[in-house]
N, C-alpha and C. Protein backbone atom coordinates (compact mmCIF):
# COMPACT_ATOMS: atom_id res chain seq x y z
N MET A 1 -3.69 -20.34 19.56
CA MET A 1 -2.79 -20.78 18.51
C MET A 1 -2.92 -22.30 18.39
N ASN A 2 -2.97 -22.79 17.18
CA ASN A 2 -3.13 -24.23 16.99
C ASN A 2 -1.77 -24.95 17.06
N ALA A 3 -1.83 -26.26 17.19
CA ALA A 3 -0.62 -27.07 17.38
C ALA A 3 0.35 -26.94 16.20
N GLU A 4 -0.18 -26.86 14.97
CA GLU A 4 0.69 -26.77 13.80
C GLU A 4 1.49 -25.46 13.82
N ALA A 5 0.85 -24.38 14.18
CA ALA A 5 1.54 -23.08 14.26
C ALA A 5 2.59 -23.10 15.36
N ILE A 6 2.25 -23.72 16.48
CA ILE A 6 3.21 -23.82 17.59
C ILE A 6 4.40 -24.69 17.17
N GLU A 7 4.12 -25.77 16.47
CA GLU A 7 5.20 -26.64 15.99
C GLU A 7 6.16 -25.87 15.09
N ASP A 8 5.64 -25.08 14.19
CA ASP A 8 6.49 -24.26 13.31
C ASP A 8 7.34 -23.30 14.13
N ARG A 9 6.73 -22.67 15.12
CA ARG A 9 7.48 -21.71 15.95
C ARG A 9 8.55 -22.40 16.77
N LEU A 10 8.26 -23.60 17.28
CA LEU A 10 9.26 -24.34 18.04
C LEU A 10 10.44 -24.74 17.16
N ARG A 11 10.15 -25.20 15.95
CA ARG A 11 11.22 -25.57 15.01
C ARG A 11 12.08 -24.35 14.68
N ASP A 12 11.43 -23.20 14.45
CA ASP A 12 12.17 -21.97 14.16
C ASP A 12 13.03 -21.56 15.35
N TRP A 13 12.48 -21.67 16.56
CA TRP A 13 13.23 -21.32 17.77
C TRP A 13 14.47 -22.19 17.90
N CYS A 14 14.30 -23.49 17.66
CA CYS A 14 15.44 -24.41 17.74
C CYS A 14 16.52 -24.01 16.73
N SER A 15 16.11 -23.72 15.52
CA SER A 15 17.05 -23.33 14.48
C SER A 15 17.80 -22.06 14.84
N LYS A 16 17.08 -21.05 15.32
CA LYS A 16 17.69 -19.77 15.66
C LYS A 16 18.61 -19.86 16.87
N ASN A 17 18.37 -20.85 17.74
CA ASN A 17 19.15 -20.97 18.96
C ASN A 17 20.16 -22.11 18.94
N GLY A 18 20.36 -22.69 17.75
CA GLY A 18 21.40 -23.69 17.58
C GLY A 18 21.10 -25.06 18.15
N HIS A 19 19.83 -25.39 18.32
CA HIS A 19 19.44 -26.70 18.83
C HIS A 19 19.09 -27.62 17.67
N ALA A 20 19.66 -28.80 17.68
CA ALA A 20 19.47 -29.75 16.59
C ALA A 20 18.05 -30.31 16.59
N VAL A 21 17.49 -30.39 15.41
CA VAL A 21 16.20 -31.06 15.17
C VAL A 21 16.49 -32.16 14.16
N THR A 22 16.09 -33.38 14.48
CA THR A 22 16.36 -34.50 13.58
C THR A 22 15.49 -34.42 12.33
N PRO A 23 15.80 -35.20 11.31
CA PRO A 23 14.95 -35.24 10.12
C PRO A 23 13.52 -35.71 10.44
N LEU A 24 13.35 -36.42 11.56
CA LEU A 24 12.02 -36.86 11.98
C LEU A 24 11.33 -35.82 12.88
N ASN A 25 11.90 -34.61 12.92
CA ASN A 25 11.37 -33.51 13.74
C ASN A 25 11.33 -33.87 15.22
N GLU A 26 12.44 -34.40 15.71
CA GLU A 26 12.58 -34.73 17.12
C GLU A 26 13.73 -33.92 17.72
N VAL A 27 13.65 -33.74 19.03
CA VAL A 27 14.70 -33.04 19.76
C VAL A 27 15.14 -33.90 20.93
N SER A 28 16.33 -33.62 21.41
CA SER A 28 16.86 -34.35 22.56
C SER A 28 16.12 -33.96 23.83
N GLU A 29 16.36 -34.73 24.87
CA GLU A 29 15.70 -34.48 26.15
C GLU A 29 16.01 -33.07 26.71
N PRO A 30 17.26 -32.60 26.69
CA PRO A 30 17.52 -31.25 27.20
C PRO A 30 16.77 -30.16 26.42
N VAL A 31 16.67 -30.32 25.10
CA VAL A 31 15.95 -29.33 24.29
C VAL A 31 14.46 -29.42 24.56
N ALA A 32 13.94 -30.64 24.67
CA ALA A 32 12.52 -30.81 24.99
C ALA A 32 12.20 -30.13 26.33
N ALA A 33 13.08 -30.29 27.28
CA ALA A 33 12.86 -29.65 28.58
C ALA A 33 12.79 -28.13 28.44
N LEU A 34 13.70 -27.57 27.65
CA LEU A 34 13.67 -26.12 27.41
C LEU A 34 12.34 -25.69 26.78
N LEU A 35 11.89 -26.43 25.79
CA LEU A 35 10.66 -26.08 25.09
C LEU A 35 9.44 -26.17 26.02
N LEU A 36 9.51 -27.08 26.99
CA LEU A 36 8.41 -27.26 27.94
C LEU A 36 8.53 -26.36 29.16
N GLY A 37 9.63 -25.63 29.26
CA GLY A 37 9.83 -24.74 30.41
C GLY A 37 10.22 -25.49 31.67
N LEU A 38 10.91 -26.61 31.50
CA LEU A 38 11.34 -27.44 32.63
C LEU A 38 12.85 -27.57 32.63
N SER A 39 13.39 -27.99 33.76
CA SER A 39 14.79 -28.39 33.77
C SER A 39 14.87 -29.81 33.21
N THR A 40 16.04 -30.18 32.73
CA THR A 40 16.22 -31.53 32.22
C THR A 40 15.95 -32.55 33.32
N SER A 41 16.40 -32.26 34.53
CA SER A 41 16.19 -33.21 35.63
C SER A 41 14.71 -33.36 35.96
N ALA A 42 13.93 -32.29 35.84
CA ALA A 42 12.49 -32.37 36.11
C ALA A 42 11.79 -33.24 35.05
N LEU A 43 12.20 -33.09 33.78
CA LEU A 43 11.61 -33.91 32.73
C LEU A 43 11.97 -35.38 32.93
N ARG A 44 13.22 -35.65 33.31
CA ARG A 44 13.65 -37.03 33.58
C ARG A 44 12.87 -37.62 34.76
N LEU A 45 12.71 -36.84 35.80
CA LEU A 45 11.98 -37.31 36.98
C LEU A 45 10.54 -37.66 36.61
N GLN A 46 9.89 -36.80 35.83
CA GLN A 46 8.53 -37.08 35.40
C GLN A 46 8.48 -38.39 34.61
N PHE A 47 9.45 -38.60 33.73
CA PHE A 47 9.49 -39.84 32.96
C PHE A 47 9.66 -41.04 33.90
N ASN A 48 10.60 -40.93 34.82
CA ASN A 48 10.88 -42.04 35.73
C ASN A 48 9.70 -42.35 36.64
N GLU A 49 8.89 -41.35 36.93
CA GLU A 49 7.71 -41.55 37.78
C GLU A 49 6.47 -41.90 36.97
N GLY A 50 6.61 -42.00 35.65
CA GLY A 50 5.48 -42.37 34.80
C GLY A 50 4.46 -41.28 34.61
N ARG A 51 4.87 -40.03 34.72
CA ARG A 51 3.93 -38.91 34.56
C ARG A 51 4.46 -37.87 33.56
N SER A 52 5.02 -38.35 32.46
CA SER A 52 5.58 -37.46 31.44
C SER A 52 4.52 -36.57 30.82
N LEU A 53 4.89 -35.33 30.56
CA LEU A 53 3.99 -34.39 29.89
C LEU A 53 3.76 -34.79 28.43
N VAL A 54 4.82 -35.28 27.80
CA VAL A 54 4.74 -35.74 26.42
C VAL A 54 5.44 -37.09 26.32
N PRO A 55 5.01 -37.95 25.40
CA PRO A 55 5.64 -39.26 25.29
C PRO A 55 7.02 -39.19 24.65
N VAL A 56 7.84 -40.16 24.97
CA VAL A 56 9.13 -40.30 24.30
C VAL A 56 8.86 -40.84 22.90
N ALA A 57 9.41 -40.18 21.89
CA ALA A 57 9.18 -40.62 20.51
C ALA A 57 10.01 -41.86 20.18
N ARG A 58 11.26 -41.86 20.64
CA ARG A 58 12.13 -43.01 20.41
C ARG A 58 13.42 -42.81 21.20
N TYR A 59 14.21 -43.87 21.21
CA TYR A 59 15.51 -43.82 21.87
C TYR A 59 16.60 -43.90 20.82
N VAL A 60 17.63 -43.10 21.00
CA VAL A 60 18.81 -43.14 20.13
C VAL A 60 20.01 -43.29 21.07
N LEU A 61 20.66 -44.45 21.00
CA LEU A 61 21.81 -44.72 21.87
C LEU A 61 21.46 -44.46 23.34
N ASN A 62 20.34 -44.97 23.78
CA ASN A 62 19.84 -44.82 25.16
C ASN A 62 19.52 -43.39 25.55
N ARG A 63 19.32 -42.53 24.59
CA ARG A 63 18.92 -41.14 24.87
C ARG A 63 17.49 -40.95 24.39
N ARG A 64 16.71 -40.28 25.19
CA ARG A 64 15.31 -40.05 24.85
C ARG A 64 15.20 -38.91 23.84
N MET A 65 14.37 -39.14 22.82
CA MET A 65 14.08 -38.11 21.83
C MET A 65 12.58 -37.82 21.88
N TYR A 66 12.24 -36.55 21.76
CA TYR A 66 10.84 -36.12 21.84
C TYR A 66 10.43 -35.46 20.54
N ALA A 67 9.24 -35.80 20.06
CA ALA A 67 8.72 -35.22 18.82
C ALA A 67 8.25 -33.79 19.08
N ILE A 68 8.67 -32.89 18.22
CA ILE A 68 8.23 -31.50 18.34
C ILE A 68 6.71 -31.41 18.23
N ALA A 69 6.11 -32.26 17.42
CA ALA A 69 4.64 -32.25 17.28
C ALA A 69 3.96 -32.58 18.60
N ASP A 70 4.51 -33.53 19.36
CA ASP A 70 3.93 -33.87 20.67
C ASP A 70 4.06 -32.73 21.66
N ILE A 71 5.21 -32.07 21.63
CA ILE A 71 5.41 -30.91 22.51
C ILE A 71 4.44 -29.80 22.14
N ALA A 72 4.29 -29.56 20.84
CA ALA A 72 3.36 -28.52 20.37
C ALA A 72 1.93 -28.83 20.78
N CYS A 73 1.51 -30.09 20.68
CA CYS A 73 0.15 -30.47 21.09
C CYS A 73 -0.06 -30.22 22.57
N TYR A 74 0.94 -30.56 23.37
CA TYR A 74 0.84 -30.31 24.81
C TYR A 74 0.71 -28.81 25.08
N LEU A 75 1.54 -28.03 24.44
CA LEU A 75 1.51 -26.57 24.67
C LEU A 75 0.21 -25.97 24.16
N ALA A 76 -0.29 -26.44 23.03
CA ALA A 76 -1.56 -25.92 22.50
C ALA A 76 -2.70 -26.25 23.44
N HIS A 77 -2.70 -27.45 23.98
CA HIS A 77 -3.76 -27.86 24.90
C HIS A 77 -3.70 -27.00 26.17
N GLY A 78 -2.49 -26.77 26.68
CA GLY A 78 -2.35 -25.93 27.88
C GLY A 78 -2.77 -24.51 27.63
N ALA A 79 -2.47 -23.99 26.45
CA ALA A 79 -2.88 -22.62 26.11
C ALA A 79 -4.38 -22.53 26.01
N GLN A 80 -5.02 -23.54 25.44
CA GLN A 80 -6.47 -23.55 25.31
C GLN A 80 -7.14 -23.58 26.68
N ARG A 81 -6.59 -24.40 27.59
CA ARG A 81 -7.15 -24.46 28.96
C ARG A 81 -7.04 -23.11 29.65
N ALA A 82 -5.92 -22.41 29.42
CA ALA A 82 -5.73 -21.11 30.05
C ALA A 82 -6.73 -20.08 29.54
N LEU A 83 -7.14 -20.24 28.28
CA LEU A 83 -8.08 -19.29 27.69
C LEU A 83 -9.53 -19.60 28.06
N ASP A 84 -9.82 -20.83 28.45
CA ASP A 84 -11.19 -21.23 28.80
C ASP A 84 -11.60 -20.68 30.16
């Protein structure tokens, strides 16, 4: 599955499960952790250790926001590696 298709599915999942997506297609850190299959604390730890799976898109009131497109690219790359 390509990144664009995964991005659409992630946006749909957020909508169906009541998770906010910003107009810039970003999600909060807890939602990003869910989409990546991590706990929020694990995602924070990775960020603090400089080994984030996906980059922080921006900060809003000192809260990290993650772009759904970046999460989708990470997931697409991981899926491709699993198929190789």
